[in-house]
N, C-alpha and C. Protein backbone atom coordinates (compact mmCIF):
# COMPACT_ATOMS: atom_id res chain seq x y z
N MET A 1 -15.17 -5.08 15.38
CA MET A 1 -13.96 -4.40 14.97
C MET A 1 -12.84 -4.77 15.93
N LYS A 2 -11.63 -5.00 15.37
CA LYS A 2 -10.45 -5.32 16.17
C LYS A 2 -9.32 -4.37 15.80
N LEU A 3 -8.49 -4.07 16.79
CA LEU A 3 -7.35 -3.20 16.60
C LEU A 3 -6.08 -3.97 16.93
N ILE A 4 -5.15 -4.01 15.97
CA ILE A 4 -3.89 -4.71 16.15
C ILE A 4 -2.79 -3.66 16.15
N ILE A 5 -2.03 -3.59 17.25
CA ILE A 5 -1.02 -2.56 17.43
C ILE A 5 0.36 -3.18 17.43
N GLY A 6 1.23 -2.64 16.61
CA GLY A 6 2.64 -3.01 16.65
C GLY A 6 3.38 -1.86 17.31
N LEU A 7 4.07 -2.13 18.41
CA LEU A 7 4.78 -1.05 19.11
C LEU A 7 6.16 -0.82 18.51
N GLY A 8 6.55 0.44 18.52
CA GLY A 8 7.85 0.84 18.01
C GLY A 8 7.98 2.34 18.10
N ASN A 9 9.05 2.84 17.54
CA ASN A 9 9.30 4.28 17.48
C ASN A 9 9.34 4.72 16.02
N PRO A 10 8.72 5.87 15.71
CA PRO A 10 8.77 6.35 14.33
C PRO A 10 10.15 6.92 14.00
N GLY A 11 10.50 6.92 12.74
CA GLY A 11 11.75 7.54 12.32
C GLY A 11 12.75 6.53 11.78
N LEU A 12 13.50 6.95 10.79
CA LEU A 12 14.48 6.07 10.13
C LEU A 12 15.52 5.51 11.08
N GLU A 13 15.93 6.31 12.08
CA GLU A 13 16.98 5.86 12.99
C GLU A 13 16.55 4.68 13.86
N TYR A 14 15.23 4.43 13.96
CA TYR A 14 14.73 3.33 14.78
C TYR A 14 14.25 2.13 13.97
N GLU A 15 14.19 2.27 12.66
CA GLU A 15 13.54 1.29 11.79
C GLU A 15 13.91 -0.16 12.04
N GLU A 16 15.18 -0.47 12.12
CA GLU A 16 15.62 -1.87 12.24
C GLU A 16 16.06 -2.23 13.66
N THR A 17 15.61 -1.49 14.65
CA THR A 17 16.05 -1.76 16.03
C THR A 17 15.18 -2.82 16.70
N ARG A 18 15.72 -3.36 17.78
CA ARG A 18 15.01 -4.39 18.54
C ARG A 18 13.67 -3.86 19.08
N HIS A 19 13.66 -2.60 19.45
CA HIS A 19 12.46 -2.01 20.03
C HIS A 19 11.33 -1.91 19.02
N ASN A 20 11.65 -2.02 17.73
CA ASN A 20 10.65 -1.83 16.68
C ASN A 20 10.11 -3.13 16.11
N VAL A 21 10.27 -4.24 16.80
CA VAL A 21 9.78 -5.50 16.24
C VAL A 21 8.26 -5.50 16.05
N GLY A 22 7.54 -4.75 16.85
CA GLY A 22 6.09 -4.65 16.63
C GLY A 22 5.79 -4.06 15.26
N PHE A 23 6.54 -3.02 14.89
CA PHE A 23 6.39 -2.44 13.55
C PHE A 23 6.79 -3.45 12.49
N LEU A 24 7.90 -4.16 12.72
CA LEU A 24 8.40 -5.11 11.73
C LEU A 24 7.40 -6.24 11.46
N VAL A 25 6.78 -6.74 12.53
CA VAL A 25 5.78 -7.81 12.36
C VAL A 25 4.60 -7.28 11.55
N LEU A 26 4.09 -6.11 11.90
CA LEU A 26 2.94 -5.57 11.16
C LEU A 26 3.31 -5.21 9.73
N ASP A 27 4.50 -4.67 9.52
CA ASP A 27 4.92 -4.36 8.15
C ASP A 27 4.91 -5.61 7.28
N TRP A 28 5.42 -6.71 7.83
CA TRP A 28 5.47 -7.96 7.05
C TRP A 28 4.06 -8.50 6.83
N TYR A 29 3.26 -8.55 7.89
CA TYR A 29 1.91 -9.12 7.78
C TYR A 29 1.01 -8.27 6.88
N VAL A 30 0.97 -6.99 7.15
CA VAL A 30 0.09 -6.10 6.39
C VAL A 30 0.57 -5.97 4.94
N GLY A 31 1.88 -5.86 4.74
CA GLY A 31 2.42 -5.67 3.40
C GLY A 31 2.52 -6.93 2.58
N SER A 32 3.05 -8.01 3.18
CA SER A 32 3.32 -9.23 2.42
C SER A 32 2.15 -10.21 2.40
N VAL A 33 1.40 -10.29 3.49
CA VAL A 33 0.30 -11.24 3.56
C VAL A 33 -1.01 -10.61 3.08
N LEU A 34 -1.38 -9.49 3.68
CA LEU A 34 -2.64 -8.84 3.31
C LEU A 34 -2.53 -7.91 2.11
N ARG A 35 -1.32 -7.44 1.84
CA ARG A 35 -1.04 -6.51 0.73
C ARG A 35 -1.90 -5.25 0.81
N LEU A 36 -1.90 -4.68 2.01
CA LEU A 36 -2.63 -3.44 2.24
C LEU A 36 -1.66 -2.27 2.33
N PRO A 37 -2.10 -1.08 1.92
CA PRO A 37 -1.24 0.10 2.06
C PRO A 37 -1.36 0.70 3.46
N TRP A 38 -0.30 1.35 3.90
CA TRP A 38 -0.32 2.11 5.14
C TRP A 38 -0.73 3.54 4.82
N LYS A 39 -1.51 4.12 5.71
CA LYS A 39 -1.93 5.52 5.58
C LYS A 39 -1.37 6.29 6.77
N LYS A 40 -0.69 7.39 6.52
CA LYS A 40 -0.11 8.20 7.59
C LYS A 40 -1.18 9.13 8.15
N GLU A 41 -1.37 9.06 9.47
CA GLU A 41 -2.29 9.95 10.17
C GLU A 41 -1.52 10.64 11.29
N LYS A 42 -2.19 11.54 11.99
CA LYS A 42 -1.51 12.34 13.01
C LYS A 42 -0.84 11.48 14.08
N ARG A 43 -1.52 10.49 14.60
CA ARG A 43 -0.98 9.71 15.72
C ARG A 43 -0.49 8.32 15.33
N GLY A 44 -0.55 8.00 14.04
CA GLY A 44 -0.07 6.69 13.66
C GLY A 44 -0.19 6.40 12.18
N PHE A 45 0.41 5.29 11.81
CA PHE A 45 0.21 4.74 10.48
C PHE A 45 -0.84 3.66 10.64
N ILE A 46 -1.86 3.69 9.77
CA ILE A 46 -2.92 2.69 9.88
C ILE A 46 -3.13 1.98 8.55
N ALA A 47 -3.63 0.77 8.66
CA ALA A 47 -4.07 -0.01 7.51
C ALA A 47 -5.39 -0.65 7.93
N ILE A 48 -6.32 -0.71 7.01
CA ILE A 48 -7.65 -1.25 7.33
C ILE A 48 -7.95 -2.42 6.42
N GLU A 49 -8.38 -3.51 7.04
CA GLU A 49 -8.82 -4.69 6.32
C GLU A 49 -10.30 -4.83 6.62
N GLU A 50 -11.14 -4.53 5.64
CA GLU A 50 -12.58 -4.43 5.89
C GLU A 50 -13.29 -5.77 6.03
N GLN A 51 -12.83 -6.80 5.33
CA GLN A 51 -13.52 -8.09 5.35
C GLN A 51 -13.67 -8.65 6.76
N HIS A 52 -12.63 -8.52 7.59
CA HIS A 52 -12.67 -9.02 8.96
C HIS A 52 -12.76 -7.88 9.99
N SER A 53 -13.02 -6.66 9.53
CA SER A 53 -13.15 -5.47 10.39
C SER A 53 -11.91 -5.28 11.26
N LEU A 54 -10.76 -5.12 10.61
CA LEU A 54 -9.49 -4.99 11.30
C LEU A 54 -8.84 -3.65 11.02
N ILE A 55 -8.28 -3.07 12.07
CA ILE A 55 -7.46 -1.87 11.93
C ILE A 55 -6.08 -2.21 12.48
N PHE A 56 -5.05 -1.93 11.70
CA PHE A 56 -3.67 -2.14 12.12
C PHE A 56 -3.07 -0.77 12.40
N LEU A 57 -2.35 -0.66 13.50
CA LEU A 57 -1.81 0.62 13.93
C LEU A 57 -0.35 0.52 14.32
N LYS A 58 0.45 1.43 13.76
CA LYS A 58 1.82 1.64 14.22
C LYS A 58 1.84 3.07 14.78
N PRO A 59 1.80 3.21 16.11
CA PRO A 59 1.73 4.55 16.72
C PRO A 59 2.92 5.42 16.32
N ARG A 60 2.65 6.71 16.14
CA ARG A 60 3.70 7.69 15.85
C ARG A 60 3.99 8.55 17.08
N THR A 61 3.55 8.10 18.23
CA THR A 61 3.68 8.88 19.46
C THR A 61 4.93 8.52 20.26
N PHE A 62 5.80 7.69 19.73
CA PHE A 62 6.95 7.14 20.42
C PHE A 62 6.47 6.18 21.50
N MET A 63 7.35 5.26 21.83
CA MET A 63 7.01 4.12 22.68
C MET A 63 6.34 4.55 24.00
N ASN A 64 6.93 5.51 24.69
CA ASN A 64 6.45 5.88 26.03
C ASN A 64 5.08 6.53 26.04
N ARG A 65 4.56 6.88 24.86
CA ARG A 65 3.23 7.50 24.78
C ARG A 65 2.29 6.69 23.89
N SER A 66 2.57 5.42 23.73
CA SER A 66 1.77 4.56 22.86
C SER A 66 0.29 4.55 23.25
N GLY A 67 0.02 4.63 24.53
CA GLY A 67 -1.36 4.59 25.01
C GLY A 67 -2.23 5.69 24.45
N VAL A 68 -1.64 6.85 24.19
CA VAL A 68 -2.40 7.99 23.63
C VAL A 68 -2.96 7.61 22.25
N ALA A 69 -2.10 7.05 21.39
CA ALA A 69 -2.55 6.66 20.06
C ALA A 69 -3.55 5.51 20.12
N VAL A 70 -3.27 4.52 20.98
CA VAL A 70 -4.16 3.37 21.09
C VAL A 70 -5.55 3.82 21.53
N ALA A 71 -5.63 4.67 22.53
CA ALA A 71 -6.93 5.16 23.02
C ALA A 71 -7.69 5.90 21.92
N GLU A 72 -6.96 6.71 21.15
CA GLU A 72 -7.61 7.47 20.08
C GLU A 72 -8.22 6.54 19.03
N TYR A 73 -7.49 5.50 18.64
CA TYR A 73 -8.01 4.61 17.60
C TYR A 73 -9.07 3.65 18.15
N LEU A 74 -9.02 3.31 19.41
CA LEU A 74 -10.11 2.54 20.01
C LEU A 74 -11.40 3.35 19.96
N LYS A 75 -11.27 4.64 20.28
CA LYS A 75 -12.45 5.51 20.26
C LYS A 75 -12.98 5.68 18.84
N LYS A 76 -12.07 5.93 17.88
CA LYS A 76 -12.49 6.10 16.48
C LYS A 76 -13.20 4.87 15.95
N ALA A 77 -12.76 3.69 16.37
CA ALA A 77 -13.33 2.43 15.88
C ALA A 77 -14.50 1.95 16.73
N ASN A 78 -14.88 2.72 17.74
CA ASN A 78 -15.97 2.35 18.66
C ASN A 78 -15.72 0.98 19.30
N ILE A 79 -14.47 0.74 19.68
CA ILE A 79 -14.13 -0.49 20.38
C ILE A 79 -14.09 -0.17 21.87
N ASP A 80 -15.00 -0.75 22.63
CA ASP A 80 -15.05 -0.45 24.06
C ASP A 80 -14.56 -1.60 24.94
N ASP A 81 -14.15 -2.69 24.32
CA ASP A 81 -13.64 -3.84 25.06
C ASP A 81 -12.17 -4.04 24.69
N ALA A 82 -11.28 -3.86 25.65
CA ALA A 82 -9.84 -3.95 25.38
C ALA A 82 -9.42 -5.35 24.93
N ARG A 83 -10.27 -6.33 25.13
CA ARG A 83 -9.94 -7.68 24.64
C ARG A 83 -10.00 -7.76 23.12
N ASN A 84 -10.51 -6.69 22.47
CA ASN A 84 -10.54 -6.63 21.02
C ASN A 84 -9.32 -5.91 20.44
N LEU A 85 -8.28 -5.82 21.24
CA LEU A 85 -7.03 -5.31 20.70
C LEU A 85 -5.93 -6.31 21.00
N LEU A 86 -4.95 -6.33 20.11
CA LEU A 86 -3.78 -7.19 20.26
C LEU A 86 -2.56 -6.28 20.13
N VAL A 87 -1.67 -6.36 21.11
CA VAL A 87 -0.47 -5.53 21.12
C VAL A 87 0.74 -6.43 20.87
N ILE A 88 1.57 -6.03 19.91
CA ILE A 88 2.80 -6.76 19.59
C ILE A 88 3.96 -5.90 20.06
N SER A 89 4.80 -6.47 20.93
CA SER A 89 5.91 -5.69 21.48
C SER A 89 7.17 -6.53 21.59
N ASP A 90 8.28 -5.85 21.77
CA ASP A 90 9.54 -6.53 22.06
C ASP A 90 9.56 -6.92 23.53
N ASP A 91 10.41 -7.91 23.86
CA ASP A 91 10.57 -8.32 25.25
C ASP A 91 12.02 -8.74 25.46
N ALA A 92 12.74 -7.95 26.26
CA ALA A 92 14.15 -8.23 26.54
C ALA A 92 14.33 -9.41 27.48
N ASP A 93 13.27 -9.83 28.17
CA ASP A 93 13.36 -10.97 29.06
C ASP A 93 13.21 -12.30 28.32
N LEU A 94 12.88 -12.23 27.04
CA LEU A 94 12.81 -13.44 26.21
C LEU A 94 14.02 -13.45 25.29
N MET A 95 14.57 -14.61 25.08
CA MET A 95 15.71 -14.74 24.18
C MET A 95 15.27 -14.50 22.74
N VAL A 96 16.19 -14.05 21.91
CA VAL A 96 15.89 -13.89 20.50
C VAL A 96 15.45 -15.25 19.96
N GLY A 97 14.29 -15.27 19.31
CA GLY A 97 13.75 -16.52 18.79
C GLY A 97 12.57 -17.04 19.60
N ASP A 98 12.30 -16.41 20.75
CA ASP A 98 11.18 -16.83 21.59
C ASP A 98 9.99 -15.89 21.42
N LEU A 99 8.81 -16.45 21.49
CA LEU A 99 7.56 -15.69 21.47
C LEU A 99 6.77 -16.02 22.73
N ARG A 100 5.95 -15.08 23.15
CA ARG A 100 5.05 -15.35 24.27
C ARG A 100 3.72 -14.67 23.98
N LEU A 101 2.65 -15.44 23.97
CA LEU A 101 1.30 -14.93 23.78
C LEU A 101 0.58 -15.02 25.11
N ARG A 102 -0.01 -13.91 25.53
CA ARG A 102 -0.76 -13.87 26.78
C ARG A 102 -2.08 -13.14 26.56
N GLU A 103 -3.09 -13.59 27.28
CA GLU A 103 -4.42 -12.98 27.17
C GLU A 103 -4.50 -11.67 27.94
N ARG A 104 -3.67 -11.54 28.95
CA ARG A 104 -3.62 -10.33 29.79
C ARG A 104 -2.33 -10.38 30.58
N GLY A 105 -2.03 -9.32 31.31
CA GLY A 105 -0.84 -9.35 32.16
C GLY A 105 -0.31 -7.98 32.47
N SER A 106 0.83 -7.97 33.12
CA SER A 106 1.46 -6.70 33.52
C SER A 106 2.24 -6.12 32.34
N ASP A 107 2.85 -4.98 32.58
CA ASP A 107 3.67 -4.37 31.53
C ASP A 107 5.05 -5.02 31.45
N GLY A 108 5.44 -5.78 32.48
CA GLY A 108 6.73 -6.46 32.47
C GLY A 108 7.90 -5.51 32.33
N GLY A 109 7.72 -4.25 32.71
CA GLY A 109 8.79 -3.26 32.58
C GLY A 109 8.86 -2.60 31.22
N HIS A 110 7.94 -2.95 30.32
CA HIS A 110 7.93 -2.37 28.97
C HIS A 110 7.15 -1.06 28.99
N ARG A 111 7.80 0.01 28.62
CA ARG A 111 7.17 1.34 28.75
C ARG A 111 6.01 1.56 27.78
N GLY A 112 6.06 0.93 26.62
CA GLY A 112 4.93 1.04 25.69
C GLY A 112 3.70 0.36 26.25
N LEU A 113 3.87 -0.85 26.78
CA LEU A 113 2.74 -1.54 27.41
C LEU A 113 2.26 -0.78 28.64
N ARG A 114 3.20 -0.24 29.41
CA ARG A 114 2.83 0.55 30.59
C ARG A 114 1.95 1.74 30.19
N SER A 115 2.32 2.42 29.12
CA SER A 115 1.54 3.57 28.65
C SER A 115 0.13 3.15 28.27
N ILE A 116 0.01 2.04 27.57
CA ILE A 116 -1.32 1.56 27.16
C ILE A 116 -2.15 1.19 28.39
N ILE A 117 -1.56 0.49 29.33
CA ILE A 117 -2.27 0.10 30.56
C ILE A 117 -2.71 1.33 31.34
N GLU A 118 -1.83 2.33 31.47
CA GLU A 118 -2.18 3.55 32.21
C GLU A 118 -3.31 4.32 31.54
N VAL A 119 -3.25 4.48 30.23
CA VAL A 119 -4.27 5.26 29.52
C VAL A 119 -5.60 4.52 29.49
N LEU A 120 -5.57 3.22 29.21
CA LEU A 120 -6.81 2.46 29.14
C LEU A 120 -7.34 2.05 30.51
N GLN A 121 -6.48 2.13 31.53
CA GLN A 121 -6.79 1.73 32.90
C GLN A 121 -7.22 0.27 33.00
N THR A 122 -6.54 -0.54 32.19
CA THR A 122 -6.74 -1.99 32.25
C THR A 122 -5.52 -2.69 31.65
N SER A 123 -5.23 -3.87 32.17
CA SER A 123 -4.18 -4.70 31.58
C SER A 123 -4.81 -5.95 30.97
N ASP A 124 -6.12 -5.89 30.81
CA ASP A 124 -6.90 -7.02 30.33
C ASP A 124 -7.03 -6.99 28.81
N PHE A 125 -5.87 -7.12 28.12
CA PHE A 125 -5.86 -7.19 26.67
C PHE A 125 -4.74 -8.14 26.24
N PRO A 126 -4.93 -8.84 25.11
CA PRO A 126 -3.92 -9.78 24.64
C PRO A 126 -2.67 -9.07 24.14
N ARG A 127 -1.55 -9.77 24.31
CA ARG A 127 -0.29 -9.23 23.81
C ARG A 127 0.58 -10.37 23.32
N LEU A 128 1.33 -10.07 22.27
CA LEU A 128 2.28 -11.01 21.71
C LEU A 128 3.66 -10.39 21.90
N ARG A 129 4.46 -11.04 22.72
CA ARG A 129 5.80 -10.53 23.02
C ARG A 129 6.84 -11.28 22.21
N PHE A 130 7.73 -10.52 21.63
CA PHE A 130 8.73 -10.99 20.69
C PHE A 130 10.09 -10.85 21.36
N GLY A 131 10.80 -11.96 21.55
CA GLY A 131 12.08 -11.94 22.25
C GLY A 131 13.17 -11.19 21.51
N VAL A 132 13.79 -10.25 22.22
CA VAL A 132 14.93 -9.50 21.66
C VAL A 132 16.18 -9.71 22.51
N GLY A 133 16.06 -10.43 23.62
CA GLY A 133 17.21 -10.76 24.45
C GLY A 133 17.77 -9.58 25.23
N ARG A 134 18.66 -9.91 26.14
CA ARG A 134 19.37 -8.92 26.95
C ARG A 134 20.75 -8.70 26.35
N PRO A 135 21.41 -7.62 26.72
CA PRO A 135 22.75 -7.37 26.19
C PRO A 135 23.73 -8.48 26.58
N GLU A 136 24.59 -8.85 25.66
CA GLU A 136 25.64 -9.83 25.98
C GLU A 136 26.62 -9.24 26.98
N ASP A 137 26.89 -7.96 26.84
CA ASP A 137 27.78 -7.24 27.75
C ASP A 137 26.94 -6.72 28.90
N PRO A 138 27.12 -7.25 30.13
CA PRO A 138 26.28 -6.83 31.26
C PRO A 138 26.41 -5.35 31.61
N SER A 139 27.47 -4.70 31.13
CA SER A 139 27.63 -3.27 31.43
C SER A 139 26.82 -2.39 30.46
N GLN A 140 26.30 -2.99 29.37
CA GLN A 140 25.52 -2.20 28.41
C GLN A 140 24.14 -1.91 29.00
N ASN A 141 23.72 -0.68 28.87
CA ASN A 141 22.42 -0.24 29.31
C ASN A 141 21.33 -0.92 28.48
N LEU A 142 20.26 -1.42 29.13
CA LEU A 142 19.18 -2.09 28.43
C LEU A 142 18.51 -1.16 27.41
N ALA A 143 18.34 0.11 27.76
CA ALA A 143 17.72 1.07 26.84
C ALA A 143 18.53 1.20 25.56
N ASP A 144 19.85 1.21 25.69
CA ASP A 144 20.71 1.27 24.50
C ASP A 144 20.59 -0.02 23.69
N HIS A 145 20.53 -1.14 24.40
CA HIS A 145 20.44 -2.44 23.74
C HIS A 145 19.20 -2.55 22.85
N VAL A 146 18.04 -2.16 23.37
CA VAL A 146 16.81 -2.30 22.58
C VAL A 146 16.76 -1.31 21.42
N LEU A 147 17.59 -0.27 21.49
CA LEU A 147 17.65 0.69 20.38
C LEU A 147 18.75 0.34 19.38
N ASP A 148 19.41 -0.80 19.60
CA ASP A 148 20.41 -1.31 18.65
C ASP A 148 19.72 -2.23 17.65
N PRO A 149 20.31 -2.35 16.45
CA PRO A 149 19.79 -3.35 15.51
C PRO A 149 20.17 -4.76 15.97
N PHE A 150 19.52 -5.74 15.40
CA PHE A 150 19.89 -7.13 15.67
C PHE A 150 21.26 -7.40 15.06
N SER A 151 21.99 -8.32 15.66
CA SER A 151 23.31 -8.69 15.14
C SER A 151 23.11 -9.52 13.86
N PRO A 152 24.12 -9.56 13.00
CA PRO A 152 24.01 -10.37 11.78
C PRO A 152 23.65 -11.83 12.08
N SER A 153 24.15 -12.38 13.18
CA SER A 153 23.85 -13.79 13.51
C SER A 153 22.39 -13.97 13.96
N GLU A 154 21.73 -12.89 14.37
CA GLU A 154 20.34 -12.98 14.84
C GLU A 154 19.32 -12.75 13.72
N ILE A 155 19.74 -12.15 12.61
CA ILE A 155 18.81 -11.73 11.57
C ILE A 155 17.94 -12.88 11.04
N LYS A 156 18.53 -14.02 10.74
CA LYS A 156 17.76 -15.15 10.21
C LYS A 156 16.70 -15.60 11.22
N ILE A 157 17.08 -15.67 12.49
CA ILE A 157 16.15 -16.07 13.55
C ILE A 157 15.00 -15.05 13.63
N VAL A 158 15.34 -13.78 13.55
CA VAL A 158 14.35 -12.71 13.64
C VAL A 158 13.35 -12.80 12.49
N HIS A 159 13.83 -13.03 11.28
CA HIS A 159 12.91 -13.15 10.13
C HIS A 159 11.97 -14.35 10.30
N GLN A 160 12.48 -15.45 10.82
CA GLN A 160 11.62 -16.61 11.08
C GLN A 160 10.58 -16.29 12.15
N LEU A 161 11.00 -15.55 13.17
CA LEU A 161 10.08 -15.19 14.24
C LEU A 161 9.03 -14.19 13.76
N ILE A 162 9.40 -13.31 12.85
CA ILE A 162 8.42 -12.37 12.26
C ILE A 162 7.34 -13.18 11.54
N GLU A 163 7.74 -14.19 10.78
CA GLU A 163 6.75 -15.00 10.06
C GLU A 163 5.87 -15.79 11.03
N LYS A 164 6.46 -16.35 12.09
CA LYS A 164 5.66 -17.06 13.10
C LYS A 164 4.68 -16.09 13.77
N SER A 165 5.18 -14.92 14.10
CA SER A 165 4.33 -13.90 14.74
C SER A 165 3.16 -13.55 13.84
N ALA A 166 3.42 -13.40 12.55
CA ALA A 166 2.37 -13.05 11.60
C ALA A 166 1.29 -14.13 11.55
N LYS A 167 1.69 -15.40 11.68
CA LYS A 167 0.71 -16.49 11.69
C LYS A 167 -0.18 -16.40 12.93
N VAL A 168 0.43 -16.05 14.07
CA VAL A 168 -0.36 -15.89 15.30
C VAL A 168 -1.31 -14.71 15.15
N VAL A 169 -0.81 -13.60 14.61
CA VAL A 169 -1.65 -12.41 14.40
C VAL A 169 -2.81 -12.75 13.47
N ASP A 170 -2.52 -13.44 12.38
CA ASP A 170 -3.55 -13.80 11.41
C ASP A 170 -4.64 -14.64 12.06
N CYS A 171 -4.24 -15.60 12.87
CA CYS A 171 -5.21 -16.46 13.54
C CYS A 171 -6.02 -15.67 14.57
N TRP A 172 -5.35 -14.76 15.31
CA TRP A 172 -6.07 -13.94 16.27
C TRP A 172 -7.12 -13.08 15.56
N CYS A 173 -6.75 -12.53 14.42
CA CYS A 173 -7.68 -11.68 13.67
C CYS A 173 -8.91 -12.44 13.21
N LYS A 174 -8.72 -13.68 12.80
CA LYS A 174 -9.81 -14.46 12.22
C LYS A 174 -10.56 -15.32 13.24
N GLU A 175 -9.85 -15.81 14.28
CA GLU A 175 -10.47 -16.77 15.20
C GLU A 175 -10.45 -16.34 16.66
N GLY A 176 -9.84 -15.19 16.96
CA GLY A 176 -9.80 -14.73 18.33
C GLY A 176 -8.64 -15.34 19.11
N TYR A 177 -8.65 -15.09 20.40
CA TYR A 177 -7.53 -15.50 21.24
C TYR A 177 -7.33 -17.02 21.29
N LEU A 178 -8.40 -17.78 21.41
CA LEU A 178 -8.25 -19.24 21.54
C LEU A 178 -7.62 -19.85 20.29
N GLY A 179 -8.04 -19.40 19.13
CA GLY A 179 -7.43 -19.88 17.88
C GLY A 179 -5.97 -19.50 17.80
N ALA A 180 -5.65 -18.26 18.18
CA ALA A 180 -4.26 -17.80 18.17
C ALA A 180 -3.43 -18.60 19.15
N ALA A 181 -4.00 -18.94 20.30
CA ALA A 181 -3.27 -19.71 21.30
C ALA A 181 -2.94 -21.10 20.77
N GLN A 182 -3.84 -21.69 19.99
CA GLN A 182 -3.57 -23.01 19.42
C GLN A 182 -2.42 -22.94 18.41
N ILE A 183 -2.45 -21.96 17.52
CA ILE A 183 -1.36 -21.80 16.55
C ILE A 183 -0.06 -21.50 17.26
N TYR A 184 -0.12 -20.61 18.26
CA TYR A 184 1.07 -20.26 19.04
C TYR A 184 1.68 -21.52 19.66
N SER A 185 0.84 -22.36 20.22
CA SER A 185 1.31 -23.59 20.87
C SER A 185 2.00 -24.49 19.84
N GLN A 186 1.44 -24.61 18.66
CA GLN A 186 2.04 -25.44 17.61
C GLN A 186 3.38 -24.87 17.13
N LEU A 187 3.45 -23.55 17.01
CA LEU A 187 4.66 -22.91 16.48
C LEU A 187 5.81 -22.85 17.48
N THR A 188 5.51 -22.95 18.77
CA THR A 188 6.55 -22.78 19.77
C THR A 188 6.94 -24.09 20.47
N ARG A 189 6.52 -25.20 19.94
CA ARG A 189 6.88 -26.50 20.52
C ARG A 189 8.34 -26.78 20.33
């Protein structure tokens, strides 16, 4: 069993924001590629793909408490190895249009990843980081920036990156980290 988590914040006001790219990637992959329905539960929206034993999760605990939902679904799915989860998150240190796939690592200042690391007490899990860039105006607060929608000039790039991300997720689901790393390498050349 594998758990794929898209990080974001629940609620209409956050739907199209930079911070919600994890949700956007899973919405596209689960809805357009797998054509699975989302089911609303207490701590998240989930979709299950039984053929490959996959659970997709969009936590409803807000970004800073993502670890609570992740731990609950790991327990429900009897997944005891954090390497069997993939976390998709935004990354302000990457430019819009950039992806970064890592097998493990720090939270990089991302509070959703920090929450998962703190609750699971490990940073030994794969993550796919989706570039959302830093504010053009240096006086703009980073927290405000990630809660803003993408600019009209960024939208086309973002949609292309969502599709690339979905290909990496698909490969990770079917072939594991090494297969995903090969696709990632091809897509980011």
